[in-house]
């Protein structure tokens, strides 16, 4: 996959997510510098999809610290991500990126539940 495709993926996805009634307010309340966020997310997805080593960060603690996340919000994130990859016209990228997104969403949601609701049994995401 090209770096240009990853840039397009990140920008297209966040254009959708920022307008989403459930996800948009979460991003708008926490992303102060969208340009810096885009660089970080492009680096993240480039590392995941192309094996580059530019990403520096720890996504789990940032997500665990967010108040009142739900399975539905994670599922919506995955749904929008899949919608975005489907629109890019590269089936190989779509399949690979979706598999990674599914895994990441599941891990973040599992970590979120274990940290915020330690007395509850974790609930798996319904990813279609």
Protein backbone atom coordinates (compact mmCIF):
# COMPACT_ATOMS: atom_id res chain seq x y z
CA UNK A 1 0.00 0.00 0.00
CA UNK A 2 1.25 3.46 -0.66
CA UNK A 3 1.74 6.17 1.90
CA UNK A 4 -0.71 8.26 -0.12
CA UNK A 5 -3.41 5.62 0.36
CA UNK A 6 -2.83 5.68 4.11
CA UNK A 7 -3.05 9.48 4.17
CA UNK A 8 -6.33 9.25 2.25
CA UNK A 9 -7.63 6.56 4.61
CA UNK A 10 -6.88 8.61 7.72
CA UNK A 11 -8.26 11.89 6.39
CA UNK A 12 -11.39 10.30 4.91
CA UNK A 13 -12.09 8.30 8.06
CA UNK A 14 -11.73 11.25 10.43
CA UNK A 15 -13.89 13.42 8.17
CA UNK A 16 -16.64 10.85 8.76
CA UNK A 17 -15.91 10.27 12.44
CA UNK A 18 -15.81 13.95 13.30
CA UNK A 19 -19.31 14.40 11.81
CA UNK A 20 -20.75 11.30 13.46
CA UNK A 21 -23.31 12.16 16.18
CA UNK A 22 -21.79 9.69 18.65
CA UNK A 23 -18.08 9.86 17.82
CA UNK A 24 -17.77 13.47 16.69
CA UNK A 25 -18.24 15.08 20.11
CA UNK A 26 -15.63 12.76 21.64
CA UNK A 27 -13.01 13.73 19.07
CA UNK A 28 -13.93 17.42 19.11
CA UNK A 29 -13.63 17.57 22.91
CA UNK A 30 -10.17 15.99 22.95
CA UNK A 31 -8.35 16.67 19.70
CA UNK A 32 -6.89 20.13 20.09
CA UNK A 33 -4.56 20.03 17.09
CA UNK A 34 -6.07 18.09 14.19
CA UNK A 35 -2.90 18.43 12.08
CA UNK A 36 -0.84 16.78 14.83
CA UNK A 37 -3.53 14.11 15.28
CA UNK A 38 -3.46 13.34 11.55
CA UNK A 39 0.34 12.97 11.62
CA UNK A 40 0.08 10.60 14.60
CA UNK A 41 -2.69 8.52 13.00
CA UNK A 42 -0.91 8.39 9.63
CA UNK A 43 2.22 7.21 11.42
CA UNK A 44 0.16 4.62 13.32
CA UNK A 45 -1.53 3.18 10.22
CA UNK A 46 1.70 3.33 8.23
CA UNK A 47 3.33 1.24 10.96
CA UNK A 48 0.45 -1.22 10.98
CA UNK A 49 0.03 -1.56 7.22
CA UNK A 50 3.49 -0.85 5.83
CA UNK A 51 5.78 -1.79 8.72
CA UNK A 52 7.25 1.68 9.10
CA UNK A 53 8.50 2.62 12.55
CA UNK A 54 7.44 6.24 12.81
CA UNK A 55 4.64 5.78 15.34
CA UNK A 56 5.39 6.73 18.92
CA UNK A 57 2.52 6.52 21.33
CA UNK A 58 0.45 4.49 23.74
CA UNK A 59 -3.18 4.28 22.59
CA UNK A 60 -4.47 2.13 25.47
CA UNK A 61 -4.03 4.63 28.36
CA UNK A 62 -5.55 7.44 26.29
CA UNK A 63 -8.65 5.39 25.54
CA UNK A 64 -8.98 4.01 29.07
CA UNK A 65 -9.02 7.58 30.42
CA UNK A 66 -12.04 8.59 28.33
CA UNK A 67 -15.29 8.70 30.29
CA UNK A 68 -18.36 6.71 29.34
CA UNK A 69 -17.20 4.82 26.27
CA UNK A 70 -19.45 1.98 25.19
CA UNK A 71 -19.41 -1.07 22.97
CA UNK A 72 -21.74 0.82 20.62
CA UNK A 73 -19.18 3.61 20.17
CA UNK A 74 -16.40 1.14 19.39
CA UNK A 75 -18.71 -0.71 17.01
CA UNK A 76 -19.61 2.56 15.28
CA UNK A 77 -15.89 3.38 14.93
CA UNK A 78 -15.36 0.00 13.24
CA UNK A 79 -18.40 0.48 11.01
CA UNK A 80 -17.16 3.88 9.80
CA UNK A 81 -13.65 2.51 9.32
CA UNK A 82 -14.95 -0.38 7.20
CA UNK A 83 -17.11 2.03 5.21
CA UNK A 84 -14.05 4.19 4.56
CA UNK A 85 -11.77 1.34 3.49
CA UNK A 86 -14.51 0.05 1.20
CA UNK A 87 -14.62 3.39 -0.60
CA UNK A 88 -10.87 3.51 -1.28
CA UNK A 89 -10.97 1.00 -4.14
CA UNK A 90 -8.12 -1.23 -2.94
CA UNK A 91 -9.53 -4.61 -1.80
CA UNK A 92 -6.17 -5.78 -0.42
CA UNK A 93 -5.81 -2.64 1.70
CA UNK A 94 -9.45 -2.91 2.75
CA UNK A 95 -9.07 -6.50 3.96
CA UNK A 96 -5.78 -5.88 5.80
CA UNK A 97 -6.80 -2.56 7.38
CA UNK A 98 -10.19 -3.91 8.46
CA UNK A 99 -8.62 -6.94 10.12
CA UNK A 100 -6.26 -4.68 12.06
CA UNK A 101 -9.04 -2.25 12.96
CA UNK A 102 -11.22 -5.10 14.24
CA UNK A 103 -8.38 -6.41 16.39
CA UNK A 104 -7.47 -2.97 17.75
CA UNK A 105 -11.07 -2.05 18.55
CA UNK A 106 -11.54 -5.35 20.38
CA UNK A 107 -8.34 -4.92 22.40
CA UNK A 108 -9.07 -1.30 23.30
CA UNK A 109 -12.62 -2.16 24.34
CA UNK A 110 -11.41 -5.13 26.39
CA UNK A 111 -8.75 -2.98 28.10
CA UNK A 112 -11.27 -0.21 28.70
CA UNK A 113 -13.68 -2.60 30.40
CA UNK A 114 -11.00 -4.26 32.52
CA UNK A 115 -9.75 -0.88 33.73
CA UNK A 116 -13.06 0.94 34.20
CA UNK A 117 -15.35 -1.95 35.19
CA UNK A 118 -13.09 -4.49 36.95
CA UNK A 119 -16.04 -6.18 38.70
CA UNK A 120 -17.97 -6.78 35.48
CA UNK A 121 -17.47 -9.56 33.01
CA UNK A 122 -16.10 -8.08 29.74
CA UNK A 123 -18.50 -7.99 26.81
CA UNK A 124 -17.18 -8.61 23.31
CA UNK A 125 -17.82 -6.24 20.43
CA UNK A 126 -20.27 -7.20 17.72
CA UNK A 127 -18.25 -6.54 14.61
CA UNK A 128 -19.83 -7.37 11.27
